Amino acid sequence: MADVELVTGSRLYAGRGAFTRQRYLVGYALLTPAVLYMGALVGAPFFFSLYLSLSDASVGNQVARYVGLQNFFAIFQDSTFRMALRNTVQFTVIAGIFKGLLGTLLAFLLMQEVRGKKLVRALVVIPWTLPVAISALAWKWMFDSQFSAINWVGVHLHLISGWPIWLGEPGLAMASVIIVNVWRGFPFGAIVLLAAFSAVPLELVDAGKVDGANFWQRYTRIVVPIIAPILFVGLLFDTVFTLGDLSIVYILTQGGPLGATEILPTRALEIGIQAGALGRGAAISLILFPILVPVVYFLLRILRRREAL
């Protein structure tokens, strides 16, 4: 009898192991197309840019020589690059804060039961779904030094005095590109938060109300800990998208005036494409990679630890 049970148990163990291996194989097979696609779309350009950044490749040279880290040392000696790096950090941080605040506020508004809520949700995502060139050109017209619709409305409503040149003054130019980036990006944050809020059990929120917790306490101590993984992923995506936002700045100001809106993508375009120094332009485009990698690594570790709890 014991031998029969032993044989049966070994068969069950072997069957379970075969099922587990088969499930892993199916999972790997389903992931393979996505991995190949990402490797071709992201991996190949990245390694090619890395190769260019370690060489003296240029439009005029048919053969590129290996120069090591010489391109990276050279760009840090460029005052315009240092200004672009500072502007990039400022642009990303300020735009990210405002997109987070406005996205949270919009998500709470969209959760309310009002008539025509579906239509409102569809209209809200229009800035994010519009082609960036069309929206940026529309904003460029609204910021025009002579025919600015923003100035006309502001003057007639007595909100501003004079006739500000939005894209011609350094401080206003940076504020303008931040405004357009926030206008375009905060609906995405609202959609992410709206999806996250729907995953919060209402029983926990109602329990907080019964215990006397106010709105801020319920949000920070109940809602935020539950949706933290989604917030981390949304923050990561928004940071990467903002750091690489070339179109808005290039269409509105092309990095001017006097380099006030010069950011790393526009500087890489000027050096690598317009000036033809492919190696140095690739080095500029890769300069934030060693900074972003640790940030992404620690965020993913935090998410993994939260899932394991």
Foldseek 3Di string as FASTA:
>chain_A
DVVVVVVVVVVVVVVVVVVVVVVVVVVCVVCVVVVVVCCVVPVVVLVVLVVLQQWQAFPPDPDTDGNGNPLVVVLVVDPLLVLQAVLLVVLLVVLLVLLLVVLVVVLVVLPDDDPPSVVVLVVLLVLQPDDPLVLLVVLLQCLAQPRHPVQVVCVVVVNDPDRDNQQADLVSVSVSLSVSSSSNPSSVSNVLVNVLQVPFDVVLLVVCVVVPDDPVCCCPPRSCVSSVLSVLVVSLVSSVCSLQPDNNCCSRHLCDDVNSNNHLNSVLCCVCPVVGRVNSSSCSVCVCVVVVVVVVVVSVVVVVVSVVD
